[in-house]
Amino acid sequence: PTVEEVLEALAAAAPGSGARRVLVQPHLLFPGHVADGVEEAVAVARRR
């Protein structure tokens, strides 16, 4: 699954699990477009 798909899946699973927080951990060494893309996806998830 893509980054966006995983964030949506966790948001859907949160009510049943009781979780109120989602940790988003980029397993990355370097900055760049991949890290930026994660930040953008999280910004969308926050709004949704």
All heavy atoms as atom14 arrays in JSON, in Angstrom:
{
  "sequence": "PTVEEVLEALAAAAPGSGARRVLVQPHLLFPGHVADGVEEAVAVARRR",
  "atom14_mask": [
    [1, 1, 1, 1, 1, 1, 1, 0, 0, 0, 0, 0, 0, 0],
    [1, 1, 1, 1, 1, 1, 1, 0, 0, 0, 0, 0, 0, 0],
    [1, 1, 1, 1, 1, 1, 1, 0, 0, 0, 0, 0, 0, 0],
    [1, 1, 1, 1, 1, 1, 1, 1, 1, 0, 0, 0, 0, 0],
    [1, 1, 1, 1, 1, 1, 1, 1, 1, 0, 0, 0, 0, 0],
    [1, 1, 1, 1, 1, 1, 1, 0, 0, 0, 0, 0, 0, 0],
    [1, 1, 1, 1, 1, 1, 1, 1, 0, 0, 0, 0, 0, 0],
    [1, 1, 1, 1, 1, 1, 1, 1, 1, 0, 0, 0, 0, 0],
    [1, 1, 1, 1, 1, 0, 0, 0, 0, 0, 0, 0, 0, 0],
    [1, 1, 1, 1, 1, 1, 1, 1, 0, 0, 0, 0, 0, 0],
    [1, 1, 1, 1, 1, 0, 0, 0, 0, 0, 0, 0, 0, 0],
    [1, 1, 1, 1, 1, 0, 0, 0, 0, 0, 0, 0, 0, 0],
    [1, 1, 1, 1, 1, 0, 0, 0, 0, 0, 0, 0, 0, 0],
    [1, 1, 1, 1, 1, 0, 0, 0, 0, 0, 0, 0, 0, 0],
    [1, 1, 1, 1, 1, 1, 1, 0, 0, 0, 0, 0, 0, 0],
    [1, 1, 1, 1, 0, 0, 0, 0, 0, 0, 0, 0, 0, 0],
    [1, 1, 1, 1, 1, 1, 0, 0, 0, 0, 0, 0, 0, 0],
    [1, 1, 1, 1, 0, 0, 0, 0, 0, 0, 0, 0, 0, 0],
    [1, 1, 1, 1, 1, 0, 0, 0, 0, 0, 0, 0, 0, 0],
    [1, 1, 1, 1, 1, 1, 1, 1, 1, 1, 1, 0, 0, 0],
    [1, 1, 1, 1, 1, 1, 1, 1, 1, 1, 1, 0, 0, 0],
    [1, 1, 1, 1, 1, 1, 1, 0, 0, 0, 0, 0, 0, 0],
    [1, 1, 1, 1, 1, 1, 1, 1, 0, 0, 0, 0, 0, 0],
    [1, 1, 1, 1, 1, 1, 1, 0, 0, 0, 0, 0, 0, 0],
    [1, 1, 1, 1, 1, 1, 1, 1, 1, 0, 0, 0, 0, 0],
    [1, 1, 1, 1, 1, 1, 1, 0, 0, 0, 0, 0, 0, 0],
    [1, 1, 1, 1, 1, 1, 1, 1, 1, 1, 0, 0, 0, 0],
    [1, 1, 1, 1, 1, 1, 1, 1, 0, 0, 0, 0, 0, 0],
    [1, 1, 1, 1, 1, 1, 1, 1, 0, 0, 0, 0, 0, 0],
    [1, 1, 1, 1, 1, 1, 1, 1, 1, 1, 1, 0, 0, 0],
    [1, 1, 1, 1, 1, 1, 1, 0, 0, 0, 0, 0, 0, 0],
    [1, 1, 1, 1, 0, 0, 0, 0, 0, 0, 0, 0, 0, 0],
    [1, 1, 1, 1, 1, 1, 1, 1, 1, 1, 0, 0, 0, 0],
    [1, 1, 1, 1, 1, 1, 1, 0, 0, 0, 0, 0, 0, 0],
    [1, 1, 1, 1, 1, 0, 0, 0, 0, 0, 0, 0, 0, 0],
    [1, 1, 1, 1, 1, 1, 1, 1, 0, 0, 0, 0, 0, 0],
    [1, 1, 1, 1, 0, 0, 0, 0, 0, 0, 0, 0, 0, 0],
    [1, 1, 1, 1, 1, 1, 1, 0, 0, 0, 0, 0, 0, 0],
    [1, 1, 1, 1, 1, 1, 1, 1, 1, 0, 0, 0, 0, 0],
    [1, 1, 1, 1, 1, 1, 1, 1, 1, 0, 0, 0, 0, 0],
    [1, 1, 1, 1, 1, 0, 0, 0, 0, 0, 0, 0, 0, 0],
    [1, 1, 1, 1, 1, 1, 1, 0, 0, 0, 0, 0, 0, 0],
    [1, 1, 1, 1, 1, 0, 0, 0, 0, 0, 0, 0, 0, 0],
    [1, 1, 1, 1, 1, 1, 1, 0, 0, 0, 0, 0, 0, 0],
    [1, 1, 1, 1, 1, 0, 0, 0, 0, 0, 0, 0, 0, 0],
    [1, 1, 1, 1, 1, 1, 1, 1, 1, 1, 1, 0, 0, 0],
    [1, 1, 1, 1, 1, 1, 1, 1, 1, 1, 1, 0, 0, 0],
    [1, 1, 1, 1, 1, 1, 1, 1, 1, 1, 1, 0, 0, 0]
  ],
  "atom14_positions": [
    [[0.81, -1.22, 0.0], [0.0, 0.0, 0.0], [0.84, 1.27, 0.0], [1.95, 1.29, 0.52], [-0.81, -0.13, 1.3], [0.07, -0.95, 2.2], [0.75, -1.94, 1.29], [0.0, 0.0, 0.0], [0.0, 0.0, 0.0], [0.0, 0.0, 0.0], [0.0, 0.0, 0.0], [0.0, 0.0, 0.0], [0.0, 0.0, 0.0], [0.0, 0.0, 0.0]],
    [[0.28, 2.31, -0.58], [0.97, 3.59, -0.62], [0.91, 4.27, 0.75], [0.18, 3.83, 1.65], [0.33, 4.52, -1.66], [-1.02, 4.83, -1.23], [0.28, 3.86, -3.03], [0.0, 0.0, 0.0], [0.0, 0.0, 0.0], [0.0, 0.0, 0.0], [0.0, 0.0, 0.0], [0.0, 0.0, 0.0], [0.0, 0.0, 0.0], [0.0, 0.0, 0.0]],
    [[1.64, 5.35, 0.88], [1.62, 6.13, 2.12], [0.19, 6.57, 2.42], [-0.31, 6.42, 3.54], [2.55, 7.35, 2.0], [2.35, 8.3, 3.19], [4.0, 6.91, 1.9], [0.0, 0.0, 0.0], [0.0, 0.0, 0.0], [0.0, 0.0, 0.0], [0.0, 0.0, 0.0], [0.0, 0.0, 0.0], [0.0, 0.0, 0.0], [0.0, 0.0, 0.0]],
    [[-0.48, 7.12, 1.41], [-1.85, 7.63, 1.61], [-2.81, 6.5, 1.99], [-3.67, 6.69, 2.87], [-2.33, 8.32, 0.33], [-1.6, 9.59, -0.02], [-0.25, 9.37, -0.68], [0.1, 8.2, -0.98], [0.48, 10.36, -0.89], [0.0, 0.0, 0.0], [0.0, 0.0, 0.0], [0.0, 0.0, 0.0], [0.0, 0.0, 0.0], [0.0, 0.0, 0.0]],
    [[-2.66, 5.34, 1.38], [-3.53, 4.21, 1.69], [-3.35, 3.75, 3.14], [-4.33, 3.41, 3.82], [-3.28, 3.07, 0.72], [-3.79, 3.35, -0.69], [-3.32, 2.33, -1.72], [-2.31, 1.61, -1.45], [-3.94, 2.26, -2.79], [0.0, 0.0, 0.0], [0.0, 0.0, 0.0], [0.0, 0.0, 0.0], [0.0, 0.0, 0.0], [0.0, 0.0, 0.0]],
    [[-2.13, 3.73, 3.6], [-1.86, 3.29, 4.97], [-2.42, 4.29, 5.98], [-3.02, 3.91, 7.0], [-0.35, 3.07, 5.18], [-0.01, 3.02, 6.67], [0.08, 1.78, 4.52], [0.0, 0.0, 0.0], [0.0, 0.0, 0.0], [0.0, 0.0, 0.0], [0.0, 0.0, 0.0], [0.0, 0.0, 0.0], [0.0, 0.0, 0.0], [0.0, 0.0, 0.0]],
    [[-2.25, 5.57, 5.72], [-2.79, 6.57, 6.64], [-4.31, 6.49, 6.72], [-4.89, 6.59, 7.82], [-2.35, 7.97, 6.21], [-0.84, 8.24, 6.18], [-0.57, 9.72, 5.9], [-0.17, 7.81, 7.48], [0.0, 0.0, 0.0], [0.0, 0.0, 0.0], [0.0, 0.0, 0.0], [0.0, 0.0, 0.0], [0.0, 0.0, 0.0], [0.0, 0.0, 0.0]],
    [[-4.96, 6.28, 5.59], [-6.41, 6.13, 5.59], [-6.84, 4.86, 6.32], [-7.83, 4.85, 7.06], [-6.93, 6.13, 4.16], [-6.99, 7.49, 3.51], [-7.92, 8.44, 4.25], [-9.08, 8.06, 4.52], [-7.47, 9.55, 4.59], [0.0, 0.0, 0.0], [0.0, 0.0, 0.0], [0.0, 0.0, 0.0], [0.0, 0.0, 0.0], [0.0, 0.0, 0.0]],
    [[-6.1, 3.78, 6.13], [-6.44, 2.51, 6.79], [-6.31, 2.64, 8.3], [-7.15, 2.13, 9.06], [-5.54, 1.39, 6.27], [0.0, 0.0, 0.0], [0.0, 0.0, 0.0], [0.0, 0.0, 0.0], [0.0, 0.0, 0.0], [0.0, 0.0, 0.0], [0.0, 0.0, 0.0], [0.0, 0.0, 0.0], [0.0, 0.0, 0.0], [0.0, 0.0, 0.0]],
    [[-5.28, 3.34, 8.76], [-5.11, 3.52, 10.21], [-6.18, 4.44, 10.78], [-6.65, 4.23, 11.9], [-3.71, 4.05, 10.5], [-2.57, 3.06, 10.25], [-1.22, 3.74, 10.46], [-2.69, 1.85, 11.15], [0.0, 0.0, 0.0], [0.0, 0.0, 0.0], [0.0, 0.0, 0.0], [0.0, 0.0, 0.0], [0.0, 0.0, 0.0], [0.0, 0.0, 0.0]],
    [[-6.55, 5.45, 10.02], [-7.62, 6.33, 10.49], [-8.92, 5.55, 10.64], [-9.68, 5.76, 11.59], [-7.81, 7.49, 9.51], [0.0, 0.0, 0.0], [0.0, 0.0, 0.0], [0.0, 0.0, 0.0], [0.0, 0.0, 0.0], [0.0, 0.0, 0.0], [0.0, 0.0, 0.0], [0.0, 0.0, 0.0], [0.0, 0.0, 0.0], [0.0, 0.0, 0.0]],
    [[-9.17, 4.62, 9.71], [-10.38, 3.8, 9.79], [-10.31, 2.82, 10.95], [-11.34, 2.48, 11.56], [-10.58, 3.05, 8.48], [0.0, 0.0, 0.0], [0.0, 0.0, 0.0], [0.0, 0.0, 0.0], [0.0, 0.0, 0.0], [0.0, 0.0, 0.0], [0.0, 0.0, 0.0], [0.0, 0.0, 0.0], [0.0, 0.0, 0.0], [0.0, 0.0, 0.0]],
    [[-9.11, 2.36, 11.29], [-8.95, 1.38, 12.36], [-8.93, 2.01, 13.74], [-9.16, 1.33, 14.75], [-7.66, 0.59, 12.15], [0.0, 0.0, 0.0], [0.0, 0.0, 0.0], [0.0, 0.0, 0.0], [0.0, 0.0, 0.0], [0.0, 0.0, 0.0], [0.0, 0.0, 0.0], [0.0, 0.0, 0.0], [0.0, 0.0, 0.0], [0.0, 0.0, 0.0]],
    [[-8.67, 3.3, 13.81], [-8.49, 3.96, 15.1], [-9.7, 3.84, 16.03], [-9.53, 3.51, 17.21], [-8.13, 5.43, 14.89], [0.0, 0.0, 0.0], [0.0, 0.0, 0.0], [0.0, 0.0, 0.0], [0.0, 0.0, 0.0], [0.0, 0.0, 0.0], [0.0, 0.0, 0.0], [0.0, 0.0, 0.0], [0.0, 0.0, 0.0], [0.0, 0.0, 0.0]],
    [[-10.94, 4.09, 15.56], [-12.07, 4.01, 16.5], [-12.21, 2.64, 17.16], [-12.48, 2.55, 18.37], [-13.28, 4.33, 15.6], [-12.71, 5.15, 14.49], [-11.37, 4.56, 14.23], [0.0, 0.0, 0.0], [0.0, 0.0, 0.0], [0.0, 0.0, 0.0], [0.0, 0.0, 0.0], [0.0, 0.0, 0.0], [0.0, 0.0, 0.0], [0.0, 0.0, 0.0]],
    [[-12.03, 1.58, 16.4], [-12.16, 0.25, 16.97], [-11.05, -0.12, 17.91], [-11.24, -0.93, 18.83], [0.0, 0.0, 0.0], [0.0, 0.0, 0.0], [0.0, 0.0, 0.0], [0.0, 0.0, 0.0], [0.0, 0.0, 0.0], [0.0, 0.0, 0.0], [0.0, 0.0, 0.0], [0.0, 0.0, 0.0], [0.0, 0.0, 0.0], [0.0, 0.0, 0.0]],
    [[-9.89, 0.45, 17.71], [-8.73, 0.12, 18.56], [-8.7, 0.97, 19.83], [-8.01, 0.61, 20.8], [-7.44, 0.34, 17.78], [-7.21, 1.73, 17.55], [0.0, 0.0, 0.0], [0.0, 0.0, 0.0], [0.0, 0.0, 0.0], [0.0, 0.0, 0.0], [0.0, 0.0, 0.0], [0.0, 0.0, 0.0], [0.0, 0.0, 0.0], [0.0, 0.0, 0.0]],
    [[-9.37, 2.09, 19.81], [-9.3, 3.02, 20.94], [-8.18, 4.02, 20.83], [-8.03, 4.89, 21.69], [0.0, 0.0, 0.0], [0.0, 0.0, 0.0], [0.0, 0.0, 0.0], [0.0, 0.0, 0.0], [0.0, 0.0, 0.0], [0.0, 0.0, 0.0], [0.0, 0.0, 0.0], [0.0, 0.0, 0.0], [0.0, 0.0, 0.0], [0.0, 0.0, 0.0]],
    [[-7.36, 3.92, 19.8], [-6.23, 4.82, 19.63], [-6.71, 6.22, 19.26], [-7.66, 6.38, 18.49], [-5.28, 4.29, 18.56], [0.0, 0.0, 0.0], [0.0, 0.0, 0.0], [0.0, 0.0, 0.0], [0.0, 0.0, 0.0], [0.0, 0.0, 0.0], [0.0, 0.0, 0.0], [0.0, 0.0, 0.0], [0.0, 0.0, 0.0], [0.0, 0.0, 0.0]],
    [[-6.05, 7.22, 19.8], [-6.35, 8.6, 19.46], [-5.2, 9.27, 18.73], [-5.3, 10.43, 18.35], [-6.64, 9.38, 20.75], [-7.81, 8.85, 21.56], [-9.12, 9.05, 20.85], [-9.38, 10.47, 20.62], [-9.9, 11.3, 21.53], [-10.21, 10.83, 22.74], [-10.12, 12.56, 21.26], [0.0, 0.0, 0.0], [0.0, 0.0, 0.0], [0.0, 0.0, 0.0]],
    [[-4.09, 8.51, 18.58], [-2.91, 9.1, 17.93], [-2.33, 8.13, 16.91], [-2.34, 6.92, 17.12], [-1.86, 9.45, 18.99], [-0.6, 10.08, 18.39], [0.2, 10.8, 19.45], [0.97, 9.91, 20.3], [1.59, 10.3, 21.4], [1.49, 11.56, 21.82], [2.28, 9.44, 22.12], [0.0, 0.0, 0.0], [0.0, 0.0, 0.0], [0.0, 0.0, 0.0]],
    [[-1.82, 8.7, 15.83], [-1.12, 7.93, 14.82], [0.3, 8.45, 14.71], [0.52, 9.64, 14.41], [-1.81, 8.01, 13.44], [-1.01, 7.2, 12.4], [-3.24, 7.5, 13.52], [0.0, 0.0, 0.0], [0.0, 0.0, 0.0], [0.0, 0.0, 0.0], [0.0, 0.0, 0.0], [0.0, 0.0, 0.0], [0.0, 0.0, 0.0], [0.0, 0.0, 0.0]],
    [[1.27, 7.59, 14.99], [2.67, 7.92, 14.75], [2.99, 7.58, 13.31], [2.7, 6.48, 12.84], [3.59, 7.11, 15.66], [3.76, 7.51, 17.12], [4.81, 6.64, 17.77], [4.13, 8.97, 17.25], [0.0, 0.0, 0.0], [0.0, 0.0, 0.0], [0.0, 0.0, 0.0], [0.0, 0.0, 0.0], [0.0, 0.0, 0.0], [0.0, 0.0, 0.0]],
    [[3.6, 8.52, 12.6], [3.98, 8.31, 11.2], [5.51, 8.35, 11.16], [6.13, 9.39, 11.36], [3.39, 9.4, 10.3], [3.79, 9.15, 8.85], [1.87, 9.45, 10.44], [0.0, 0.0, 0.0], [0.0, 0.0, 0.0], [0.0, 0.0, 0.0], [0.0, 0.0, 0.0], [0.0, 0.0, 0.0], [0.0, 0.0, 0.0], [0.0, 0.0, 0.0]],
    [[6.1, 7.18, 10.93], [7.56, 7.07, 11.0], [8.15, 6.83, 9.62], [8.07, 5.72, 9.08], [7.98, 5.94, 11.94], [9.51, 5.84, 12.07], [9.94, 4.9, 13.18], [9.18, 4.04, 13.61], [11.17, 5.08, 13.65], [0.0, 0.0, 0.0], [0.0, 0.0, 0.0], [0.0, 0.0, 0.0], [0.0, 0.0, 0.0], [0.0, 0.0, 0.0]],
    [[8.8, 7.84, 9.02], [9.49, 7.63, 7.75], [10.84, 6.95, 7.99], [11.72, 7.53, 8.63], [9.64, 9.03, 7.18], [9.57, 9.95, 8.36], [8.84, 9.24, 9.45], [0.0, 0.0, 0.0], [0.0, 0.0, 0.0], [0.0, 0.0, 0.0], [0.0, 0.0, 0.0], [0.0, 0.0, 0.0], [0.0, 0.0, 0.0], [0.0, 0.0, 0.0]],
    [[10.98, 5.74, 7.48], [12.24, 5.0, 7.64], [13.17, 5.45, 6.52], [13.38, 4.76, 5.51], [11.96, 3.5, 7.57], [13.14, 2.63, 7.9], [13.79, 2.69, 9.1], [13.77, 1.68, 7.16], [14.78, 1.8, 9.11], [14.8, 1.2, 7.95], [0.0, 0.0, 0.0], [0.0, 0.0, 0.0], [0.0, 0.0, 0.0], [0.0, 0.0, 0.0]],
    [[13.73, 6.64, 6.71], [14.52, 7.3, 5.68], [15.79, 7.88, 6.29], [15.8, 8.31, 7.44], [13.73, 8.44, 5.02], [12.39, 8.08, 4.37], [11.64, 9.36, 4.0], [12.61, 7.21, 3.15], [0.0, 0.0, 0.0], [0.0, 0.0, 0.0], [0.0, 0.0, 0.0], [0.0, 0.0, 0.0], [0.0, 0.0, 0.0], [0.0, 0.0, 0.0]],
    [[16.84, 7.9, 5.49], [18.08, 8.52, 5.92], [18.15, 9.99, 5.52], [18.63, 10.84, 6.27], [19.28, 7.78, 5.33], [19.6, 6.4, 5.89], [20.64, 5.7, 5.01], [20.09, 6.49, 7.32], [0.0, 0.0, 0.0], [0.0, 0.0, 0.0], [0.0, 0.0, 0.0], [0.0, 0.0, 0.0], [0.0, 0.0, 0.0], [0.0, 0.0, 0.0]],
    [[17.67, 10.28, 4.33], [17.94, 11.58, 3.71], [16.68, 12.43, 3.54], [15.58, 11.9, 3.39], [18.59, 11.38, 2.35], [19.8, 10.5, 2.38], [19.77, 9.24, 1.83], [20.98, 10.93, 2.97], [20.89, 8.41, 1.86], [22.1, 10.13, 3.02], [22.06, 8.86, 2.46], [0.0, 0.0, 0.0], [0.0, 0.0, 0.0], [0.0, 0.0, 0.0]],
    [[16.84, 13.75, 3.54], [15.72, 14.61, 3.15], [15.51, 14.53, 1.64], [16.31, 13.92, 0.93], [16.2, 16.01, 3.56], [17.69, 15.94, 3.45], [18.06, 14.52, 3.84], [0.0, 0.0, 0.0], [0.0, 0.0, 0.0], [0.0, 0.0, 0.0], [0.0, 0.0, 0.0], [0.0, 0.0, 0.0], [0.0, 0.0, 0.0], [0.0, 0.0, 0.0]],
    [[14.45, 15.13, 1.14], [14.2, 15.1, -0.29], [12.73, 14.91, -0.59], [11.87, 15.07, 0.29], [0.0, 0.0, 0.0], [0.0, 0.0, 0.0], [0.0, 0.0, 0.0], [0.0, 0.0, 0.0], [0.0, 0.0, 0.0], [0.0, 0.0, 0.0], [0.0, 0.0, 0.0], [0.0, 0.0, 0.0], [0.0, 0.0, 0.0], [0.0, 0.0, 0.0]],
    [[12.43, 14.54, -1.83], [11.03, 14.51, -2.26], [10.24, 13.41, -1.55], [9.03, 13.56, -1.34], [10.94, 14.34, -3.77], [11.28, 12.98, -4.27], [12.58, 12.55, -4.47], [10.47, 11.93, -4.6], [12.56, 11.3, -4.91], [11.31, 10.9, -5.0], [0.0, 0.0, 0.0], [0.0, 0.0, 0.0], [0.0, 0.0, 0.0], [0.0, 0.0, 0.0]],
    [[10.9, 12.31, -1.15], [10.16, 11.26, -0.45], [9.73, 11.74, 0.94], [8.57, 11.59, 1.33], [11.01, 9.97, -0.34], [10.28, 8.93, 0.51], [11.3, 9.41, -1.72], [0.0, 0.0, 0.0], [0.0, 0.0, 0.0], [0.0, 0.0, 0.0], [0.0, 0.0, 0.0], [0.0, 0.0, 0.0], [0.0, 0.0, 0.0], [0.0, 0.0, 0.0]],
    [[10.66, 12.33, 1.67], [10.32, 12.87, 2.99], [9.28, 13.98, 2.88], [8.35, 14.07, 3.7], [11.58, 13.39, 3.68], [0.0, 0.0, 0.0], [0.0, 0.0, 0.0], [0.0, 0.0, 0.0], [0.0, 0.0, 0.0], [0.0, 0.0, 0.0], [0.0, 0.0, 0.0], [0.0, 0.0, 0.0], [0.0, 0.0, 0.0], [0.0, 0.0, 0.0]],
    [[9.42, 14.82, 1.86], [8.44, 15.89, 1.66], [7.06, 15.31, 1.35], [6.03, 15.83, 1.81], [8.88, 16.8, 0.51], [10.14, 17.6, 0.84], [10.47, 17.72, 2.03], [10.78, 18.1, -0.11], [0.0, 0.0, 0.0], [0.0, 0.0, 0.0], [0.0, 0.0, 0.0], [0.0, 0.0, 0.0], [0.0, 0.0, 0.0], [0.0, 0.0, 0.0]],
    [[7.04, 14.22, 0.57], [5.77, 13.58, 0.23], [5.07, 13.02, 1.46], [3.83, 13.06, 1.55], [0.0, 0.0, 0.0], [0.0, 0.0, 0.0], [0.0, 0.0, 0.0], [0.0, 0.0, 0.0], [0.0, 0.0, 0.0], [0.0, 0.0, 0.0], [0.0, 0.0, 0.0], [0.0, 0.0, 0.0], [0.0, 0.0, 0.0], [0.0, 0.0, 0.0]],
    [[5.84, 12.51, 2.4], [5.25, 12.0, 3.65], [4.6, 13.15, 4.42], [3.47, 13.03, 4.91], [6.32, 11.32, 4.52], [5.77, 11.02, 5.91], [6.8, 10.03, 3.86], [0.0, 0.0, 0.0], [0.0, 0.0, 0.0], [0.0, 0.0, 0.0], [0.0, 0.0, 0.0], [0.0, 0.0, 0.0], [0.0, 0.0, 0.0], [0.0, 0.0, 0.0]],
    [[5.29, 14.28, 4.52], [4.74, 15.44, 5.22], [3.44, 15.9, 4.56], [2.46, 16.25, 5.24], [5.76, 16.57, 5.24], [7.01, 16.3, 6.07], [6.77, 16.5, 7.57], [5.63, 16.88, 7.94], [7.71, 16.26, 8.35], [0.0, 0.0, 0.0], [0.0, 0.0, 0.0], [0.0, 0.0, 0.0], [0.0, 0.0, 0.0], [0.0, 0.0, 0.0]],
    [[3.43, 15.9, 3.24], [2.23, 16.34, 2.53], [1.07, 15.38, 2.77], [-0.08, 15.81, 2.95], [2.54, 16.44, 1.03], [3.51, 17.56, 0.68], [4.04, 17.47, -0.73], [3.57, 16.57, -1.48], [4.91, 18.27, -1.1], [0.0, 0.0, 0.0], [0.0, 0.0, 0.0], [0.0, 0.0, 0.0], [0.0, 0.0, 0.0], [0.0, 0.0, 0.0]],
    [[1.36, 14.08, 2.77], [0.31, 13.09, 3.01], [-0.26, 13.22, 4.42], [-1.47, 13.07, 4.63], [0.86, 11.68, 2.78], [0.0, 0.0, 0.0], [0.0, 0.0, 0.0], [0.0, 0.0, 0.0], [0.0, 0.0, 0.0], [0.0, 0.0, 0.0], [0.0, 0.0, 0.0], [0.0, 0.0, 0.0], [0.0, 0.0, 0.0], [0.0, 0.0, 0.0]],
    [[0.61, 13.5, 5.39], [0.14, 13.67, 6.77], [-0.71, 14.93, 6.89], [-1.72, 14.94, 7.6], [1.34, 13.72, 7.74], [0.88, 14.09, 9.14], [2.05, 12.37, 7.77], [0.0, 0.0, 0.0], [0.0, 0.0, 0.0], [0.0, 0.0, 0.0], [0.0, 0.0, 0.0], [0.0, 0.0, 0.0], [0.0, 0.0, 0.0], [0.0, 0.0, 0.0]],
    [[-0.34, 15.98, 6.18], [-1.14, 17.21, 6.21], [-2.56, 16.94, 5.7], [-3.54, 17.45, 6.26], [-0.46, 18.3, 5.38], [0.0, 0.0, 0.0], [0.0, 0.0, 0.0], [0.0, 0.0, 0.0], [0.0, 0.0, 0.0], [0.0, 0.0, 0.0], [0.0, 0.0, 0.0], [0.0, 0.0, 0.0], [0.0, 0.0, 0.0], [0.0, 0.0, 0.0]],
    [[-2.67, 16.13, 4.65], [-3.98, 15.77, 4.12], [-4.75, 14.94, 5.15], [-5.95, 15.17, 5.39], [-3.84, 14.99, 2.8], [-5.18, 14.42, 2.35], [-3.25, 15.88, 1.72], [0.0, 0.0, 0.0], [0.0, 0.0, 0.0], [0.0, 0.0, 0.0], [0.0, 0.0, 0.0], [0.0, 0.0, 0.0], [0.0, 0.0, 0.0], [0.0, 0.0, 0.0]],
    [[-4.08, 13.98, 5.79], [-4.73, 13.14, 6.8], [-5.22, 13.96, 7.97], [-6.3, 13.7, 8.52], [-3.75, 12.06, 7.27], [0.0, 0.0, 0.0], [0.0, 0.0, 0.0], [0.0, 0.0, 0.0], [0.0, 0.0, 0.0], [0.0, 0.0, 0.0], [0.0, 0.0, 0.0], [0.0, 0.0, 0.0], [0.0, 0.0, 0.0], [0.0, 0.0, 0.0]],
    [[-4.47, 14.97, 8.37], [-4.9, 15.84, 9.47], [-6.2, 16.57, 9.12], [-7.09, 16.72, 9.96], [-3.81, 16.87, 9.8], [-2.62, 16.31, 10.55], [-1.77, 17.44, 11.11], [-0.63, 16.92, 11.85], [0.63, 16.97, 11.41], [0.89, 17.53, 10.23], [1.61, 16.48, 12.13], [0.0, 0.0, 0.0], [0.0, 0.0, 0.0], [0.0, 0.0, 0.0]],
    [[-6.28, 17.02, 7.88], [-7.5, 17.72, 7.47], [-8.69, 16.78, 7.38], [-9.82, 17.14, 7.74], [-7.27, 18.41, 6.13], [-6.28, 19.58, 6.18], [-6.35, 20.42, 4.93], [-5.94, 19.69, 3.73], [-4.71, 19.63, 3.27], [-3.73, 20.26, 3.93], [-4.42, 18.95, 2.18], [0.0, 0.0, 0.0], [0.0, 0.0, 0.0], [0.0, 0.0, 0.0]],
    [[-8.44, 15.56, 6.91], [-9.53, 14.59, 6.74], [-9.98, 13.98, 8.06], [-11.14, 13.61, 8.22], [-9.08, 13.48, 5.78], [-8.97, 13.93, 4.33], [-8.41, 12.82, 3.45], [-9.22, 11.61, 3.52], [-10.3, 11.37, 2.77], [-10.69, 12.28, 1.88], [-10.97, 10.24, 2.88], [0.0, 0.0, 0.0], [0.0, 0.0, 0.0], [0.0, 0.0, 0.0]]
  ]
}
